[in-house]
Amino acid sequence: MKKTLFIGCVESSYVLLEALFNAGFQVSGIVTMEQSAINADFKSLVPLAEKYNVPCICTKNVNDEETVGFIRNIAPEVIYCFGWSRLIGQEILSIPQYGVVGFHPAALPCNKGRHPLIWALVLGLKETASTFFIMDEGADTGDIISQKPVAIADTDDAADLYANVLAVAKEQVIEFTKAFAEDKVCPVKQEINAGNAWRKRGRMDGQIDWRMSATAIYNLVRGLTHPYVGAHFMKGDTEVKVWKCKVEASDAYANIEPGKIIKVNSNTDYIIKAYDGLVHIIDSDPVDLNEGEYL
């Protein structure tokens, strides 16, 4: 194994680093965080550093003088940066001989950018990918060293897709770690103008509008459920989080306006008319609703 430093601070970082240790590989240094307000799936790598006795630094800015100094002292031949939401500066990118390997759960060069698992589900895609690449100063634009497809079932939610991508990614990390050791990694350049880049999502992107199709609402809910922030709708001035729903097939309500409360089973289980069908909310924050009223 090439002398490797690992950077990460989310669940996927932890899973992939642990996979390396379980396969018998040893990293020479770890850069992580103690806490993060912007990562819903934050997970510090300190416990793994302590368990395997690996030098570790917790930082708020990976590009600051102290962190760069730590990395230079480790003198890695390659850096793995998996699950880090901030861009890595040129100073760090230039340190390892074999580059900084990044991870993006999408089929690069398509679907670069923010929230790739959420967008894939919200848009109803049938397939995504697990992609590793040599990082440059762009966002997800570097040369690809490993890419494998990941199917998306209609029943998959965010947690399912997260787990499925990581299962594939763990295999890839072991494969290209061995390839690096044997100098058999073959990077493939991305076409500069190929593909698209997904934008950052905001609060309103997660708000249910009952004028949306029932399928669109279903996709929004499954895309934003745990471990993410949850889709929501408004009842007056109150935001109600929705964690699980399903589409109810029925032609009996074609003449009913969107947003009408059709049936209330409990304060977390109810049926609402969408544009083209019924949405059965199976799990939500508790909310008091009355049949026949509108949202």
C-alpha atoms as a PDB file:
ATOM      1  CA  MET A   1       0.000   0.000   0.000  1.00  0.00           C
ATOM      2  CA  LYS A   2       1.213   3.482  -0.849  1.00  0.00           C
ATOM      3  CA  LYS A   3       1.710   5.750   2.174  1.00  0.00           C
ATOM      4  CA  THR A   4      -1.812   7.105   2.580  1.00  0.00           C
ATOM      5  CA  LEU A   5      -3.473   9.943   4.476  1.00  0.00           C
ATOM      6  CA  PHE A   6      -7.264   9.883   4.927  1.00  0.00           C
ATOM      7  CA  ILE A   7      -9.557  12.949   5.072  1.00  0.00           C
ATOM      8  CA  GLY A   8     -13.245  12.688   6.001  1.00  0.00           C
ATOM      9  CA  CYS A   9     -15.986  13.563   8.500  1.00  0.00           C
ATOM     10  CA  VAL A  10     -19.230  11.774   7.550  1.00  0.00           C
ATOM     11  CA  GLU A  11     -20.726   8.293   7.775  1.00  0.00           C
ATOM     12  CA  SER A  12     -19.368   7.264   4.376  1.00  0.00           C
ATOM     13  CA  SER A  13     -15.866   8.383   5.428  1.00  0.00           C
ATOM     14  CA  TYR A  14     -16.059   6.170   8.490  1.00  0.00           C
ATOM     15  CA  VAL A  15     -17.370   3.161   6.565  1.00  0.00           C
ATOM     16  CA  LEU A  16     -14.705   3.402   3.846  1.00  0.00           C
ATOM     17  CA  LEU A  17     -11.827   3.939   6.278  1.00  0.00           C
ATOM     18  CA  GLU A  18     -13.020   1.048   8.409  1.00  0.00           C
ATOM     19  CA  ALA A  19     -13.179  -1.131   5.266  1.00  0.00           C
ATOM     20  CA  LEU A  20      -9.503  -0.383   4.626  1.00  0.00           C
ATOM     21  CA  PHE A  21      -8.548  -1.359   8.174  1.00  0.00           C
ATOM     22  CA  ASN A  22     -10.667  -4.532   7.991  1.00  0.00           C
ATOM     23  CA  ALA A  23      -8.875  -5.489   4.766  1.00  0.00           C
ATOM     24  CA  GLY A  24      -5.525  -5.245   6.523  1.00  0.00           C
ATOM     25  CA  PHE A  25      -4.438  -1.847   5.199  1.00  0.00           C
ATOM     26  CA  GLN A  26      -2.984   0.857   7.456  1.00  0.00           C
ATOM     27  CA  VAL A  27      -3.176   4.590   6.823  1.00  0.00           C
ATOM     28  CA  SER A  28      -0.443   6.941   8.060  1.00  0.00           C
ATOM     29  CA  GLY A  29      -2.579   9.903   9.102  1.00  0.00           C
ATOM     30  CA  ILE A  30      -6.182  11.063   9.470  1.00  0.00           C
ATOM     31  CA  VAL A  31      -7.752  14.511   9.079  1.00  0.00           C
ATOM     32  CA  THR A  32     -11.274  14.850  10.458  1.00  0.00           C
ATOM     33  CA  MET A  33     -13.574  17.182  12.443  1.00  0.00           C
ATOM     34  CA  GLU A  34     -14.935  17.170  15.993  1.00  0.00           C
ATOM     35  CA  GLN A  35     -18.322  18.447  14.826  1.00  0.00           C
ATOM     36  CA  SER A  36     -20.040  19.829  11.742  1.00  0.00           C
ATOM     37  CA  ALA A  37     -23.211  21.875  11.437  1.00  0.00           C
ATOM     38  CA  ILE A  38     -23.549  21.347   7.675  1.00  0.00           C
ATOM     39  CA  ASN A  39     -23.362  17.535   7.433  1.00  0.00           C
ATOM     40  CA  ALA A  40     -26.545  15.676   8.403  1.00  0.00           C
ATOM     41  CA  ASP A  41     -24.567  12.415   8.364  1.00  0.00           C
ATOM     42  CA  PHE A  42     -21.542  13.771  10.276  1.00  0.00           C
ATOM     43  CA  LYS A  43     -19.296  11.203  11.930  1.00  0.00           C
ATOM     44  CA  SER A  44     -15.859  11.918  13.352  1.00  0.00           C
ATOM     45  CA  LEU A  45     -13.000   9.581  12.494  1.00  0.00           C
ATOM     46  CA  VAL A  46     -11.328  10.072  15.887  1.00  0.00           C
ATOM     47  CA  PRO A  47     -12.574   6.701  17.251  1.00  0.00           C
ATOM     48  CA  LEU A  48     -10.902   4.852  14.347  1.00  0.00           C
ATOM     49  CA  ALA A  49      -7.715   6.879  14.763  1.00  0.00           C
ATOM     50  CA  GLU A  50      -7.580   5.928  18.443  1.00  0.00           C
ATOM     51  CA  LYS A  51      -8.463   2.270  17.821  1.00  0.00           C
ATOM     52  CA  TYR A  52      -5.743   1.808  15.207  1.00  0.00           C
ATOM     53  CA  ASN A  53      -3.235   4.232  16.752  1.00  0.00           C
ATOM     54  CA  VAL A  54      -3.082   6.540  13.726  1.00  0.00           C
ATOM     55  CA  PRO A  55      -1.889  10.179  14.012  1.00  0.00           C
ATOM     56  CA  CYS A  56      -4.964  12.408  13.701  1.00  0.00           C
ATOM     57  CA  ILE A  57      -5.852  16.089  13.572  1.00  0.00           C
ATOM     58  CA  CYS A  58      -9.299  17.659  13.967  1.00  0.00           C
ATOM     59  CA  THR A  59      -9.694  20.827  11.953  1.00  0.00           C
ATOM     60  CA  LYS A  60     -12.284  23.418  11.031  1.00  0.00           C
ATOM     61  CA  ASN A  61     -10.371  24.403   7.892  1.00  0.00           C
ATOM     62  CA  VAL A  62      -8.494  21.690   6.027  1.00  0.00           C
ATOM     63  CA  ASN A  63      -6.517  24.326   4.134  1.00  0.00           C
ATOM     64  CA  ASP A  64      -5.209  26.196   7.194  1.00  0.00           C
ATOM     65  CA  GLU A  65      -1.515  26.326   8.075  1.00  0.00           C
ATOM     66  CA  GLU A  66      -1.715  23.825  10.947  1.00  0.00           C
ATOM     67  CA  THR A  67      -3.562  21.178   8.935  1.00  0.00           C
ATOM     68  CA  VAL A  68      -1.351  21.564   5.867  1.00  0.00           C
ATOM     69  CA  GLY A  69       1.677  21.275   8.155  1.00  0.00           C
ATOM     70  CA  PHE A  70       0.300  18.058   9.646  1.00  0.00           C
ATOM     71  CA  ILE A  71      -0.210  16.612   6.151  1.00  0.00           C
ATOM     72  CA  ARG A  72       3.291  17.624   5.031  1.00  0.00           C
ATOM     73  CA  ASN A  73       4.796  15.956   8.106  1.00  0.00           C
ATOM     74  CA  ILE A  74       2.980  12.711   7.237  1.00  0.00           C
ATOM     75  CA  ALA A  75       4.374  13.033   3.681  1.00  0.00           C
ATOM     76  CA  PRO A  76       1.708  10.828   2.054  1.00  0.00           C
ATOM     77  CA  GLU A  77       2.184   9.361  -1.400  1.00  0.00           C
ATOM     78  CA  VAL A  78      -1.581   9.463  -1.923  1.00  0.00           C
ATOM     79  CA  ILE A  79      -4.484  11.106  -0.072  1.00  0.00           C
ATOM     80  CA  TYR A  80      -8.013   9.691   0.143  1.00  0.00           C
ATOM     81  CA  CYS A  81     -10.597  12.449   0.666  1.00  0.00           C
ATOM     82  CA  PHE A  82     -14.015  10.858   1.088  1.00  0.00           C
ATOM     83  CA  GLY A  83     -16.891  12.802   2.618  1.00  0.00           C
ATOM     84  CA  TRP A  84     -15.498  16.327   2.906  1.00  0.00           C
ATOM     85  CA  SER A  85     -17.852  19.140   1.880  1.00  0.00           C
ATOM     86  CA  ARG A  86     -15.202  21.814   1.473  1.00  0.00           C
ATOM     87  CA  LEU A  87     -12.865  22.204  -1.501  1.00  0.00           C
ATOM     88  CA  ILE A  88      -9.282  21.052  -1.036  1.00  0.00           C
ATOM     89  CA  GLY A  89      -6.764  23.787  -1.893  1.00  0.00           C
ATOM     90  CA  GLN A  90      -3.957  23.517  -4.413  1.00  0.00           C
ATOM     91  CA  GLU A  91      -1.333  23.390  -1.645  1.00  0.00           C
ATOM     92  CA  ILE A  92      -2.709  20.054  -0.419  1.00  0.00           C
ATOM     93  CA  LEU A  93      -3.456  18.762  -3.909  1.00  0.00           C
ATOM     94  CA  SER A  94       0.218  19.197  -4.791  1.00  0.00           C
ATOM     95  CA  ILE A  95       1.611  17.226  -1.822  1.00  0.00           C
ATOM     96  CA  PRO A  96       1.032  13.531  -2.735  1.00  0.00           C
ATOM     97  CA  GLN A  97       2.841  12.032  -5.718  1.00  0.00           C
ATOM     98  CA  TYR A  98      -0.221  10.036  -6.787  1.00  0.00           C
ATOM     99  CA  GLY A  99      -2.764  12.769  -6.091  1.00  0.00           C
ATOM    100  CA  VAL A 100      -5.806  13.240  -3.884  1.00  0.00           C
ATOM    101  CA  VAL A 101      -8.584  10.716  -4.531  1.00  0.00           C
ATOM    102  CA  GLY A 102     -12.131  12.051  -4.180  1.00  0.00           C
ATOM    103  CA  PHE A 103     -15.475  10.248  -4.008  1.00  0.00           C
ATOM    104  CA  HIS A 104     -18.734  11.257  -5.673  1.00  0.00           C
ATOM    105  CA  PRO A 105     -21.829   9.017  -5.657  1.00  0.00           C
ATOM    106  CA  ALA A 106     -22.945   9.805  -9.202  1.00  0.00           C
ATOM    107  CA  ALA A 107     -22.095   8.819 -12.775  1.00  0.00           C
ATOM    108  CA  LEU A 108     -19.490  11.469 -13.549  1.00  0.00           C
ATOM    109  CA  PRO A 109     -19.181  13.471 -15.717  1.00  0.00           C
ATOM    110  CA  CYS A 110     -22.960  13.657 -15.295  1.00  0.00           C
ATOM    111  CA  ASN A 111     -24.463  14.907 -12.046  1.00  0.00           C
ATOM    112  CA  LYS A 112     -21.496  16.698 -10.567  1.00  0.00           C
ATOM    113  CA  GLY A 113     -22.151  19.015  -7.655  1.00  0.00           C
ATOM    114  CA  ARG A 114     -24.309  19.009  -4.557  1.00  0.00           C
ATOM    115  CA  HIS A 115     -26.571  16.425  -2.887  1.00  0.00           C
ATOM    116  CA  PRO A 116     -26.127  13.641  -5.479  1.00  0.00           C
ATOM    117  CA  LEU A 117     -28.088  10.942  -3.628  1.00  0.00           C
ATOM    118  CA  ILE A 118     -30.970  13.278  -2.830  1.00  0.00           C
ATOM    119  CA  TRP A 119     -31.222  14.601  -6.392  1.00  0.00           C
ATOM    120  CA  ALA A 120     -31.089  11.075  -7.844  1.00  0.00           C
ATOM    121  CA  LEU A 121     -34.098  10.013  -5.772  1.00  0.00           C
ATOM    122  CA  VAL A 122     -36.049  13.266  -6.095  1.00  0.00           C
ATOM    123  CA  LEU A 123     -35.691  13.140  -9.877  1.00  0.00           C
ATOM    124  CA  GLY A 124     -36.763   9.496  -9.967  1.00  0.00           C
ATOM    125  CA  LEU A 125     -33.567   8.193 -11.600  1.00  0.00           C
ATOM    126  CA  LYS A 126     -33.278   4.440 -12.097  1.00  0.00           C
ATOM    127  CA  GLU A 127     -29.494   4.304 -11.771  1.00  0.00           C
ATOM    128  CA  THR A 128     -26.608   6.242 -10.297  1.00  0.00           C
ATOM    129  CA  ALA A 129     -22.959   5.305  -9.757  1.00  0.00           C
ATOM    130  CA  SER A 130     -20.105   5.226  -7.282  1.00  0.00           C
ATOM    131  CA  THR A 131     -17.184   7.203  -8.691  1.00  0.00           C
ATOM    132  CA  PHE A 132     -13.642   7.820  -7.457  1.00  0.00           C
ATOM    133  CA  PHE A 133     -11.418  10.370  -9.174  1.00  0.00           C
ATOM    134  CA  ILE A 134      -8.158  12.286  -8.823  1.00  0.00           C
ATOM    135  CA  MET A 135      -9.160  15.673  -7.444  1.00  0.00           C
ATOM    136  CA  ASP A 136      -8.239  18.932  -9.139  1.00  0.00           C
ATOM    137  CA  GLU A 137      -9.258  22.491  -8.233  1.00  0.00           C
ATOM    138  CA  GLY A 138     -12.691  22.023  -9.783  1.00  0.00           C
ATOM    139  CA  ALA A 139     -15.707  20.310  -8.210  1.00  0.00           C
ATOM    140  CA  ASP A 140     -15.885  16.633  -9.231  1.00  0.00           C
ATOM    141  CA  THR A 141     -13.972  17.311 -12.454  1.00  0.00           C
ATOM    142  CA  GLY A 142     -10.818  15.215 -12.032  1.00  0.00           C
ATOM    143  CA  ASP A 143      -9.658  12.082 -13.839  1.00  0.00           C
ATOM    144  CA  ILE A 144     -11.764   9.000 -12.985  1.00  0.00           C
ATOM    145  CA  ILE A 145      -9.971   5.976 -11.513  1.00  0.00           C
ATOM    146  CA  SER A 146     -12.997   3.804 -10.668  1.00  0.00           C
ATOM    147  CA  GLN A 147     -16.702   3.925 -11.504  1.00  0.00           C
ATOM    148  CA  LYS A 148     -19.399   1.310 -10.947  1.00  0.00           C
ATOM    149  CA  PRO A 149     -23.159   1.581 -11.544  1.00  0.00           C
ATOM    150  CA  VAL A 150     -25.673   1.408  -8.688  1.00  0.00           C
ATOM    151  CA  ALA A 151     -29.293   0.538  -9.477  1.00  0.00           C
ATOM    152  CA  ILE A 152     -32.095   2.513  -7.805  1.00  0.00           C
ATOM    153  CA  ALA A 153     -35.308   0.622  -7.072  1.00  0.00           C
ATOM    154  CA  ASP A 154     -38.647   2.429  -6.923  1.00  0.00           C
ATOM    155  CA  THR A 155     -38.853   1.432  -3.253  1.00  0.00           C
ATOM    156  CA  ASP A 156     -35.390   2.722  -2.302  1.00  0.00           C
ATOM    157  CA  ASP A 157     -35.248   5.665   0.060  1.00  0.00           C
ATOM    158  CA  ALA A 158     -32.250   7.774   1.088  1.00  0.00           C
ATOM    159  CA  ALA A 159     -31.007   5.262   3.659  1.00  0.00           C
ATOM    160  CA  ASP A 160     -31.327   2.368   1.180  1.00  0.00           C
ATOM    161  CA  LEU A 161     -29.449   4.177  -1.577  1.00  0.00           C
ATOM    162  CA  TYR A 162     -26.798   5.404   0.865  1.00  0.00           C
ATOM    163  CA  ALA A 163     -26.166   1.802   1.982  1.00  0.00           C
ATOM    164  CA  ASN A 164     -26.187   0.427  -1.574  1.00  0.00           C
ATOM    165  CA  VAL A 165     -23.672   3.001  -2.814  1.00  0.00           C
ATOM    166  CA  LEU A 166     -21.367   2.365   0.138  1.00  0.00           C
ATOM    167  CA  ALA A 167     -21.483  -1.393  -0.413  1.00  0.00           C
ATOM    168  CA  VAL A 168     -20.164  -0.851  -3.938  1.00  0.00           C
ATOM    169  CA  ALA A 169     -17.715   1.860  -2.858  1.00  0.00           C
ATOM    170  CA  LYS A 170     -16.090  -0.397  -0.239  1.00  0.00           C
ATOM    171  CA  GLU A 171     -15.221  -2.908  -2.964  1.00  0.00           C
ATOM    172  CA  GLN A 172     -13.807  -0.147  -5.178  1.00  0.00           C
ATOM    173  CA  VAL A 173     -11.594   1.300  -2.441  1.00  0.00           C
ATOM    174  CA  ILE A 174      -9.980  -2.077  -1.795  1.00  0.00           C
ATOM    175  CA  GLU A 175      -9.513  -2.653  -5.528  1.00  0.00           C
ATOM    176  CA  PHE A 176      -7.816   0.659  -6.325  1.00  0.00           C
ATOM    177  CA  THR A 177      -5.748   0.621  -3.120  1.00  0.00           C
ATOM    178  CA  LYS A 178      -4.226  -2.625  -4.405  1.00  0.00           C
ATOM    179  CA  ALA A 179      -3.885  -1.076  -7.878  1.00  0.00           C
ATOM    180  CA  PHE A 180      -2.033   1.934  -6.447  1.00  0.00           C
ATOM    181  CA  ALA A 181       0.364  -0.444  -4.659  1.00  0.00           C
ATOM    182  CA  GLU A 182       1.097  -2.169  -7.976  1.00  0.00           C
ATOM    183  CA  ASP A 183       1.195   1.094  -9.989  1.00  0.00           C
ATOM    184  CA  LYS A 184      -1.729  -0.133 -12.069  1.00  0.00           C
ATOM    185  CA  VAL A 185      -4.166   2.760 -11.609  1.00  0.00           C
ATOM    186  CA  CYS A 186      -5.248   4.139 -15.003  1.00  0.00           C
ATOM    187  CA  PRO A 187      -7.003   7.533 -14.692  1.00  0.00           C
ATOM    188  CA  VAL A 188      -9.502   8.468 -17.409  1.00  0.00           C
ATOM    189  CA  LYS A 189     -10.008  12.153 -18.175  1.00  0.00           C
ATOM    190  CA  GLN A 190     -13.471  13.657 -18.010  1.00  0.00           C
ATOM    191  CA  GLU A 191     -14.573  15.701 -20.996  1.00  0.00           C
ATOM    192  CA  ILE A 192     -14.471  19.345 -19.928  1.00  0.00           C
ATOM    193  CA  ASN A 193     -17.924  20.258 -21.216  1.00  0.00           C
ATOM    194  CA  ALA A 194     -19.636  16.912 -20.641  1.00  0.00           C
ATOM    195  CA  GLY A 195     -22.434  16.302 -18.190  1.00  0.00           C
ATOM    196  CA  ASN A 196     -24.173  18.656 -15.783  1.00  0.00           C
ATOM    197  CA  ALA A 197     -23.745  19.967 -12.251  1.00  0.00           C
ATOM    198  CA  TRP A 198     -26.497  19.796  -9.621  1.00  0.00           C
ATOM    199  CA  ARG A 199     -27.043  22.967  -7.610  1.00  0.00           C
ATOM    200  CA  LYS A 200     -27.249  23.339  -3.860  1.00  0.00           C
ATOM    201  CA  ARG A 201     -30.672  22.559  -2.436  1.00  0.00           C
ATOM    202  CA  GLY A 202     -32.464  24.969  -0.112  1.00  0.00           C
ATOM    203  CA  ARG A 203     -35.369  24.732   2.297  1.00  0.00           C
ATOM    204  CA  MET A 204     -38.006  25.387  -0.374  1.00  0.00           C
ATOM    205  CA  ASP A 205     -36.678  22.479  -2.455  1.00  0.00           C
ATOM    206  CA  GLY A 206     -37.906  20.218   0.336  1.00  0.00           C
ATOM    207  CA  GLN A 207     -41.389  21.717   0.636  1.00  0.00           C
ATOM    208  CA  ILE A 208     -44.319  19.632  -0.590  1.00  0.00           C
ATOM    209  CA  ASP A 209     -46.721  21.456  -2.875  1.00  0.00           C
ATOM    210  CA  TRP A 210     -49.890  19.396  -3.173  1.00  0.00           C
ATOM    211  CA  ARG A 211     -50.203  20.572  -6.782  1.00  0.00           C
ATOM    212  CA  MET A 212     -47.240  18.299  -7.526  1.00  0.00           C
ATOM    213  CA  SER A 213     -47.925  14.823  -8.884  1.00  0.00           C
ATOM    214  CA  ALA A 214     -48.305  12.053  -6.315  1.00  0.00           C
ATOM    215  CA  THR A 215     -45.153  10.374  -7.656  1.00  0.00           C
ATOM    216  CA  ALA A 216     -43.159  13.606  -7.400  1.00  0.00           C
ATOM    217  CA  ILE A 217     -44.200  13.971  -3.761  1.00  0.00           C
ATOM    218  CA  TYR A 218     -43.280  10.338  -3.090  1.00  0.00           C
ATOM    219  CA  ASN A 219     -39.843  10.865  -4.656  1.00  0.00           C
ATOM    220  CA  LEU A 220     -39.291  14.049  -2.652  1.00  0.00           C
ATOM    221  CA  VAL A 221     -40.130  12.307   0.621  1.00  0.00           C
ATOM    222  CA  ARG A 222     -37.960   9.242  -0.011  1.00  0.00           C
ATOM    223  CA  GLY A 223     -35.079  11.439  -1.162  1.00  0.00           C
ATOM    224  CA  LEU A 224     -35.057  13.582   1.979  1.00  0.00           C
ATOM    225  CA  THR A 225     -35.887  11.012   4.659  1.00  0.00           C
ATOM    226  CA  HIS A 226     -33.341   9.802   7.238  1.00  0.00           C
ATOM    227  CA  PRO A 227     -30.401  10.371   7.417  1.00  0.00           C
ATOM    228  CA  TYR A 228     -31.354  13.690   5.821  1.00  0.00           C
ATOM    229  CA  VAL A 229     -33.539  16.584   6.968  1.00  0.00           C
ATOM    230  CA  GLY A 230     -36.941  15.348   5.766  1.00  0.00           C
ATOM    231  CA  ALA A 231     -39.435  16.793   3.294  1.00  0.00           C
ATOM    232  CA  HIS A 232     -42.099  19.034   4.787  1.00  0.00           C
ATOM    233  CA  PHE A 233     -45.443  20.707   4.167  1.00  0.00           C
ATOM    234  CA  MET A 234     -46.968  23.748   5.788  1.00  0.00           C
ATOM    235  CA  LYS A 235     -50.066  23.714   7.971  1.00  0.00           C
ATOM    236  CA  GLY A 236     -50.643  27.387   8.511  1.00  0.00           C
ATOM    237  CA  ASP A 237     -47.330  28.669   9.860  1.00  0.00           C
ATOM    238  CA  THR A 238     -46.251  25.240  11.133  1.00  0.00           C
ATOM    239  CA  GLU A 239     -43.718  23.121   9.247  1.00  0.00           C
ATOM    240  CA  VAL A 240     -44.577  19.414   9.327  1.00  0.00           C
ATOM    241  CA  LYS A 241     -41.839  16.917   8.464  1.00  0.00           C
ATOM    242  CA  VAL A 242     -42.820  13.851   6.415  1.00  0.00           C
ATOM    243  CA  TRP A 243     -40.635  10.743   6.682  1.00  0.00           C
ATOM    244  CA  LYS A 244     -42.507   8.110   4.709  1.00  0.00           C
ATOM    245  CA  CYS A 245     -45.397   7.972   2.259  1.00  0.00           C
ATOM    246  CA  LYS A 246     -46.808   5.963  -0.615  1.00  0.00           C
ATOM    247  CA  VAL A 247     -48.937   6.640  -3.667  1.00  0.00           C
ATOM    248  CA  GLU A 248     -52.508   5.351  -3.426  1.00  0.00           C
ATOM    249  CA  ALA A 249     -53.984   4.307  -6.770  1.00  0.00           C
ATOM    250  CA  SER A 250     -57.550   5.602  -7.141  1.00  0.00           C
ATOM    251  CA  ASP A 251     -59.717   7.145  -9.845  1.00  0.00           C
ATOM    252  CA  ALA A 252     -62.421   8.126  -7.387  1.00  0.00           C
ATOM    253  CA  TYR A 253     -60.949  11.544  -6.573  1.00  0.00           C
ATOM    254  CA  ALA A 254     -60.124  12.892 -10.043  1.00  0.00           C
ATOM    255  CA  ASN A 255     -62.504  15.834  -9.511  1.00  0.00           C
ATOM    256  CA  ILE A 256     -61.065  16.749  -6.073  1.00  0.00           C
ATOM    257  CA  GLU A 257     -58.675  19.676  -5.717  1.00  0.00           C
ATOM    258  CA  PRO A 258     -55.072  19.195  -4.591  1.00  0.00           C
ATOM    259  CA  GLY A 259     -54.400  19.637  -0.881  1.00  0.00           C
ATOM    260  CA  LYS A 260     -57.725  18.297   0.389  1.00  0.00           C
ATOM    261  CA  ILE A 261     -57.469  16.042   3.456  1.00  0.00           C
ATOM    262  CA  ILE A 262     -59.235  12.840   2.404  1.00  0.00           C
ATOM    263  CA  LYS A 263     -58.776  10.635   5.462  1.00  0.00           C
ATOM    264  CA  VAL A 264     -57.143  10.912   8.895  1.00  0.00           C
ATOM    265  CA  ASN A 265     -56.089   7.672  10.590  1.00  0.00           C
ATOM    266  CA  SER A 266     -53.940   9.332  13.240  1.00  0.00           C
ATOM    267  CA  ASN A 267     -51.855  12.469  13.741  1.00  0.00           C
ATOM    268  CA  THR A 268     -48.984  10.801  11.806  1.00  0.00           C
ATOM    269  CA  ASP A 269     -51.021   8.757   9.279  1.00  0.00           C
ATOM    270  CA  TYR A 270     -53.346  10.419   6.772  1.00  0.00           C
ATOM    271  CA  ILE A 271     -54.245  10.706   3.073  1.00  0.00           C
ATOM    272  CA  ILE A 272     -54.015  13.913   1.028  1.00  0.00           C
ATOM    273  CA  LYS A 273     -55.136  14.612  -2.533  1.00  0.00           C
ATOM    274  CA  ALA A 274     -52.258  15.540  -4.838  1.00  0.00           C
ATOM    275  CA  TYR A 275     -52.567  16.828  -8.411  1.00  0.00           C
ATOM    276  CA  ASP A 276     -53.140  13.447 -10.023  1.00  0.00           C
ATOM    277  CA  GLY A 277     -53.818  11.041  -7.186  1.00  0.00           C
ATOM    278  CA  LEU A 278     -53.660  10.337  -3.475  1.00  0.00           C
ATOM    279  CA  VAL A 279     -50.618  10.461  -1.201  1.00  0.00           C
ATOM    280  CA  HIS A 280     -50.804   8.310   1.901  1.00  0.00           C
ATOM    281  CA  ILE A 281     -48.554   9.798   4.587  1.00  0.00           C
ATOM    282  CA  ILE A 282     -47.407   6.851   6.709  1.00  0.00           C
ATOM    283  CA  ASP A 283     -44.999   8.642   9.043  1.00  0.00           C
ATOM    284  CA  SER A 284     -44.666  12.336   9.845  1.00  0.00           C
ATOM    285  CA  ASP A 285     -44.275  14.716  12.710  1.00  0.00           C
ATOM    286  CA  PRO A 286     -47.519  14.731  14.738  1.00  0.00           C
ATOM    287  CA  VAL A 287     -50.080  17.134  13.304  1.00  0.00           C
ATOM    288  CA  ASP A 288     -53.788  17.732  13.975  1.00  0.00           C
ATOM    289  CA  LEU A 289     -55.771  17.472  10.723  1.00  0.00           C
ATOM    290  CA  ASN A 290     -59.482  17.353   9.942  1.00  0.00           C
ATOM    291  CA  GLU A 291     -60.994  15.412   7.055  1.00  0.00           C
ATOM    292  CA  GLY A 292     -62.416  17.684   4.376  1.00  0.00           C
ATOM    293  CA  GLU A 293     -60.157  20.629   5.140  1.00  0.00           C
ATOM    294  CA  TYR A 294     -57.350  21.842   2.874  1.00  0.00           C
ATOM    295  CA  LEU A 295     -53.607  22.260   3.250  1.00  0.00           C
END
